[in-house]
Amino acid sequence: MTENVPGRLVELSEDTRSWLADLREDELKTLKEVVKMPAEDVREGFKMVRDLRTVTRFLRWLIYGAVAIFIATVALYENVLKVWVWIKGVPSA
């Protein structure tokens, strides 16, 4: 079987051969596992990862927004109290 490999590699483009030559051992194992899976499952897996990233990005910005609104509300409350005391004035003795 190893004698057929060089002949098959010659048919590949130069870019493909260089890409295959640069694969690390763990990348090769991953690629072998992905090839065993049905194409539709691989597509769905990539779609799920993309959707999960979108949802986590949305949730992160939602949390940032909630924290910002909380901080702004506290700051506004403190400043409204300061203005209220300033308008009310200091009681005369």
N, C-alpha and C. Protein backbone atom coordinates (compact mmCIF):
# COMPACT_ATOMS: atom_id res chain seq x y z
N MET A 1 0.83 -1.19 0.00
CA MET A 1 0.00 0.00 0.00
C MET A 1 0.87 1.25 0.00
N THR A 2 2.00 1.23 0.67
CA THR A 2 2.84 2.41 0.71
C THR A 2 3.45 2.74 -0.65
N GLU A 3 3.57 1.74 -1.53
CA GLU A 3 4.11 2.04 -2.85
C GLU A 3 3.12 2.81 -3.71
N ASN A 4 1.81 2.79 -3.41
CA ASN A 4 0.81 3.53 -4.17
C ASN A 4 0.74 4.99 -3.73
N VAL A 5 1.20 5.30 -2.54
CA VAL A 5 1.07 6.65 -2.01
C VAL A 5 1.81 7.69 -2.85
N PRO A 6 3.07 7.50 -3.24
CA PRO A 6 3.73 8.55 -4.04
C PRO A 6 3.02 8.83 -5.35
N GLY A 7 2.52 7.82 -6.02
CA GLY A 7 1.79 8.01 -7.26
C GLY A 7 0.52 8.82 -7.05
N ARG A 8 -0.16 8.59 -5.96
CA ARG A 8 -1.39 9.32 -5.67
C ARG A 8 -1.06 10.76 -5.29
N LEU A 9 0.06 10.97 -4.62
CA LEU A 9 0.42 12.32 -4.22
C LEU A 9 0.81 13.18 -5.41
N VAL A 10 1.35 12.57 -6.45
CA VAL A 10 1.74 13.32 -7.64
C VAL A 10 0.52 13.96 -8.30
N GLU A 11 -0.62 13.31 -8.20
CA GLU A 11 -1.84 13.83 -8.80
C GLU A 11 -2.36 15.07 -8.09
N LEU A 12 -1.95 15.28 -6.84
CA LEU A 12 -2.42 16.43 -6.06
C LEU A 12 -1.68 17.69 -6.48
N SER A 13 -2.31 18.83 -6.23
CA SER A 13 -1.65 20.10 -6.54
C SER A 13 -0.51 20.34 -5.54
N GLU A 14 0.36 21.25 -5.89
CA GLU A 14 1.51 21.56 -5.03
C GLU A 14 1.06 22.13 -3.68
N ASP A 15 0.03 22.96 -3.71
CA ASP A 15 -0.50 23.52 -2.46
C ASP A 15 -1.01 22.43 -1.53
N THR A 16 -1.72 21.47 -2.09
CA THR A 16 -2.27 20.38 -1.28
C THR A 16 -1.16 19.53 -0.69
N ARG A 17 -0.16 19.23 -1.49
CA ARG A 17 0.96 18.42 -0.99
C ARG A 17 1.71 19.15 0.12
N SER A 18 1.93 20.44 -0.04
CA SER A 18 2.65 21.18 1.02
C SER A 18 1.79 21.28 2.28
N TRP A 19 0.46 21.42 2.09
CA TRP A 19 -0.43 21.46 3.26
C TRP A 19 -0.40 20.13 4.01
N LEU A 20 -0.46 19.04 3.28
CA LEU A 20 -0.40 17.71 3.90
C LEU A 20 0.94 17.47 4.58
N ALA A 21 2.01 17.97 3.98
CA ALA A 21 3.34 17.77 4.57
C ALA A 21 3.50 18.55 5.87
N ASP A 22 2.77 19.65 6.01
CA ASP A 22 2.89 20.49 7.20
C ASP A 22 1.97 20.08 8.34
N LEU A 23 1.15 19.06 8.15
CA LEU A 23 0.23 18.63 9.21
C LEU A 23 0.99 18.06 10.40
N ARG A 24 0.55 18.45 11.59
CA ARG A 24 1.10 17.88 12.82
C ARG A 24 0.38 16.56 13.09
N GLU A 25 0.92 15.78 14.02
CA GLU A 25 0.36 14.46 14.33
C GLU A 25 -1.07 14.58 14.85
N ASP A 26 -1.33 15.53 15.75
CA ASP A 26 -2.68 15.68 16.29
C ASP A 26 -3.66 16.16 15.22
N GLU A 27 -3.21 17.02 14.31
CA GLU A 27 -4.07 17.45 13.22
C GLU A 27 -4.40 16.29 12.28
N LEU A 28 -3.44 15.44 12.06
CA LEU A 28 -3.66 14.27 11.21
C LEU A 28 -4.69 13.32 11.84
N LYS A 29 -4.59 13.11 13.15
CA LYS A 29 -5.57 12.26 13.84
C LYS A 29 -6.97 12.86 13.73
N THR A 30 -7.06 14.17 13.92
CA THR A 30 -8.36 14.84 13.82
C THR A 30 -8.93 14.71 12.41
N LEU A 31 -8.08 14.93 11.42
CA LEU A 31 -8.52 14.82 10.03
C LEU A 31 -9.00 13.41 9.70
N LYS A 32 -8.31 12.40 10.22
CA LYS A 32 -8.72 11.02 9.99
C LYS A 32 -10.09 10.74 10.60
N GLU A 33 -10.34 11.28 11.80
CA GLU A 33 -11.64 11.09 12.44
C GLU A 33 -12.74 11.82 11.69
N VAL A 34 -12.46 13.02 11.21
CA VAL A 34 -13.47 13.79 10.48
C VAL A 34 -13.83 13.08 9.17
N VAL A 35 -12.85 12.48 8.52
CA VAL A 35 -13.09 11.78 7.26
C VAL A 35 -14.00 10.58 7.47
N LYS A 36 -13.92 9.95 8.63
CA LYS A 36 -14.77 8.79 8.92
C LYS A 36 -16.23 9.17 9.09
N MET A 37 -16.50 10.41 9.48
CA MET A 37 -17.85 10.85 9.76
C MET A 37 -18.60 11.16 8.47
N PRO A 38 -19.94 11.03 8.49
CA PRO A 38 -20.72 11.43 7.31
C PRO A 38 -20.60 12.94 7.10
N ALA A 39 -20.62 13.35 5.85
CA ALA A 39 -20.42 14.77 5.51
C ALA A 39 -21.48 15.66 6.16
N GLU A 40 -22.70 15.18 6.23
CA GLU A 40 -23.77 15.99 6.82
C GLU A 40 -23.51 16.23 8.31
N ASP A 41 -23.00 15.23 9.02
CA ASP A 41 -22.69 15.40 10.44
C ASP A 41 -21.57 16.42 10.64
N VAL A 42 -20.60 16.41 9.76
CA VAL A 42 -19.50 17.38 9.86
C VAL A 42 -20.03 18.78 9.63
N ARG A 43 -20.88 18.96 8.61
CA ARG A 43 -21.48 20.27 8.35
C ARG A 43 -22.30 20.75 9.54
N GLU A 44 -23.11 19.85 10.10
CA GLU A 44 -23.93 20.22 11.25
C GLU A 44 -23.07 20.56 12.46
N GLY A 45 -21.97 19.85 12.63
CA GLY A 45 -21.06 20.15 13.74
C GLY A 45 -20.44 21.53 13.60
N PHE A 46 -19.99 21.86 12.39
CA PHE A 46 -19.43 23.20 12.17
C PHE A 46 -20.49 24.27 12.34
N LYS A 47 -21.71 23.99 11.89
CA LYS A 47 -22.80 24.96 12.04
C LYS A 47 -23.13 25.15 13.52
N MET A 48 -23.11 24.07 14.29
CA MET A 48 -23.40 24.17 15.72
C MET A 48 -22.33 25.02 16.42
N VAL A 49 -21.08 24.81 16.07
CA VAL A 49 -20.01 25.60 16.69
C VAL A 49 -20.17 27.06 16.33
N ARG A 50 -20.47 27.35 15.08
CA ARG A 50 -20.66 28.74 14.64
C ARG A 50 -21.83 29.38 15.39
N ASP A 51 -22.94 28.65 15.52
CA ASP A 51 -24.11 29.17 16.23
C ASP A 51 -23.81 29.38 17.71
N LEU A 52 -23.06 28.46 18.29
CA LEU A 52 -22.70 28.60 19.70
C LEU A 52 -21.83 29.83 19.92
N ARG A 53 -20.90 30.08 19.02
CA ARG A 53 -20.07 31.29 19.14
C ARG A 53 -20.92 32.54 19.03
N THR A 54 -21.91 32.52 18.14
CA THR A 54 -22.78 33.68 17.98
C THR A 54 -23.57 33.93 19.27
N VAL A 55 -24.11 32.88 19.84
CA VAL A 55 -24.90 33.01 21.07
C VAL A 55 -24.02 33.49 22.22
N THR A 56 -22.82 32.95 22.35
CA THR A 56 -21.96 33.38 23.46
C THR A 56 -21.53 34.84 23.27
N ARG A 57 -21.30 35.25 22.03
CA ARG A 57 -20.96 36.66 21.78
C ARG A 57 -22.13 37.56 22.18
N PHE A 58 -23.36 37.15 21.83
CA PHE A 58 -24.54 37.92 22.20
C PHE A 58 -24.69 37.99 23.72
N LEU A 59 -24.53 36.85 24.39
CA LEU A 59 -24.68 36.84 25.85
C LEU A 59 -23.61 37.68 26.53
N ARG A 60 -22.38 37.66 25.99
CA ARG A 60 -21.31 38.47 26.58
C ARG A 60 -21.67 39.96 26.50
N TRP A 61 -22.17 40.42 25.34
CA TRP A 61 -22.54 41.81 25.20
C TRP A 61 -23.79 42.14 26.02
N LEU A 62 -24.66 41.17 26.20
CA LEU A 62 -25.83 41.39 27.06
C LEU A 62 -25.40 41.61 28.51
N ILE A 63 -24.43 40.82 28.97
CA ILE A 63 -23.92 40.98 30.33
C ILE A 63 -23.20 42.31 30.47
N TYR A 64 -22.37 42.66 29.49
CA TYR A 64 -21.69 43.97 29.53
C TYR A 64 -22.71 45.10 29.62
N GLY A 65 -23.76 45.00 28.82
CA GLY A 65 -24.79 46.03 28.83
C GLY A 65 -25.51 46.11 30.17
N ALA A 66 -25.82 44.96 30.76
CA ALA A 66 -26.51 44.96 32.05
C ALA A 66 -25.63 45.57 33.14
N VAL A 67 -24.34 45.25 33.14
CA VAL A 67 -23.42 45.83 34.13
C VAL A 67 -23.30 47.33 33.91
N ALA A 68 -23.21 47.77 32.66
CA ALA A 68 -23.11 49.20 32.36
C ALA A 68 -24.36 49.95 32.80
N ILE A 69 -25.52 49.36 32.55
CA ILE A 69 -26.77 50.01 32.98
C ILE A 69 -26.83 50.09 34.50
N PHE A 70 -26.40 49.05 35.19
CA PHE A 70 -26.39 49.07 36.66
C PHE A 70 -25.47 50.17 37.18
N ILE A 71 -24.26 50.26 36.64
CA ILE A 71 -23.31 51.27 37.10
C ILE A 71 -23.83 52.67 36.79
N ALA A 72 -24.41 52.86 35.61
CA ALA A 72 -24.95 54.17 35.25
C ALA A 72 -26.13 54.54 36.15
N THR A 73 -26.95 53.58 36.50
CA THR A 73 -28.09 53.85 37.38
C THR A 73 -27.61 54.27 38.77
N VAL A 74 -26.63 53.59 39.29
CA VAL A 74 -26.09 53.94 40.61
C VAL A 74 -25.47 55.33 40.58
N ALA A 75 -24.69 55.62 39.53
CA ALA A 75 -24.06 56.94 39.42
C ALA A 75 -25.12 58.03 39.28
N LEU A 76 -26.15 57.80 38.48
CA LEU A 76 -27.23 58.77 38.32
C LEU A 76 -27.96 58.99 39.65
N TYR A 77 -28.22 57.93 40.38
CA TYR A 77 -28.91 58.04 41.67
C TYR A 77 -28.09 58.89 42.64
N GLU A 78 -26.79 58.63 42.72
CA GLU A 78 -25.94 59.41 43.63
C GLU A 78 -25.93 60.88 43.24
N ASN A 79 -25.85 61.17 41.95
CA ASN A 79 -25.81 62.56 41.52
C ASN A 79 -27.15 63.25 41.68
N VAL A 80 -28.25 62.54 41.51
CA VAL A 80 -29.57 63.13 41.77
C VAL A 80 -29.70 63.48 43.24
N LEU A 81 -29.20 62.62 44.11
CA LEU A 81 -29.24 62.93 45.54
C LEU A 81 -28.41 64.17 45.87
N LYS A 82 -27.25 64.31 45.24
CA LYS A 82 -26.41 65.49 45.46
C LYS A 82 -27.12 66.75 45.00
N VAL A 83 -27.76 66.69 43.84
CA VAL A 83 -28.50 67.86 43.32
C VAL A 83 -29.68 68.17 44.24
N TRP A 84 -30.35 67.16 44.73
CA TRP A 84 -31.49 67.36 45.63
C TRP A 84 -31.05 68.07 46.91
N VAL A 85 -29.93 67.62 47.46
CA VAL A 85 -29.41 68.27 48.68
C VAL A 85 -29.00 69.70 48.35
N TRP A 86 -28.42 69.93 47.20
CA TRP A 86 -27.98 71.26 46.82
C TRP A 86 -29.17 72.20 46.63
N ILE A 87 -30.26 71.68 45.99
CA ILE A 87 -31.46 72.49 45.79
C ILE A 87 -32.15 72.75 47.12
N LYS A 88 -32.24 71.76 47.92
CA LYS A 88 -32.91 71.88 49.22
C LYS A 88 -32.18 72.88 50.09
N GLY A 89 -30.87 72.91 49.99
CA GLY A 89 -30.08 73.85 50.76
C GLY A 89 -29.78 73.32 52.14
N VAL A 90 -28.83 73.99 52.74
CA VAL A 90 -28.43 73.62 54.09
C VAL A 90 -29.40 74.30 55.06
N PRO A 91 -29.92 73.56 56.05
CA PRO A 91 -30.86 74.20 56.99
C PRO A 91 -30.14 75.31 57.78
N SER A 92 -30.84 76.42 57.93
CA SER A 92 -30.23 77.52 58.70
C SER A 92 -30.36 77.26 60.18
N ALA A 93 -29.33 77.63 60.87
CA ALA A 93 -29.31 77.36 62.30
C ALA A 93 -29.75 78.53 63.11
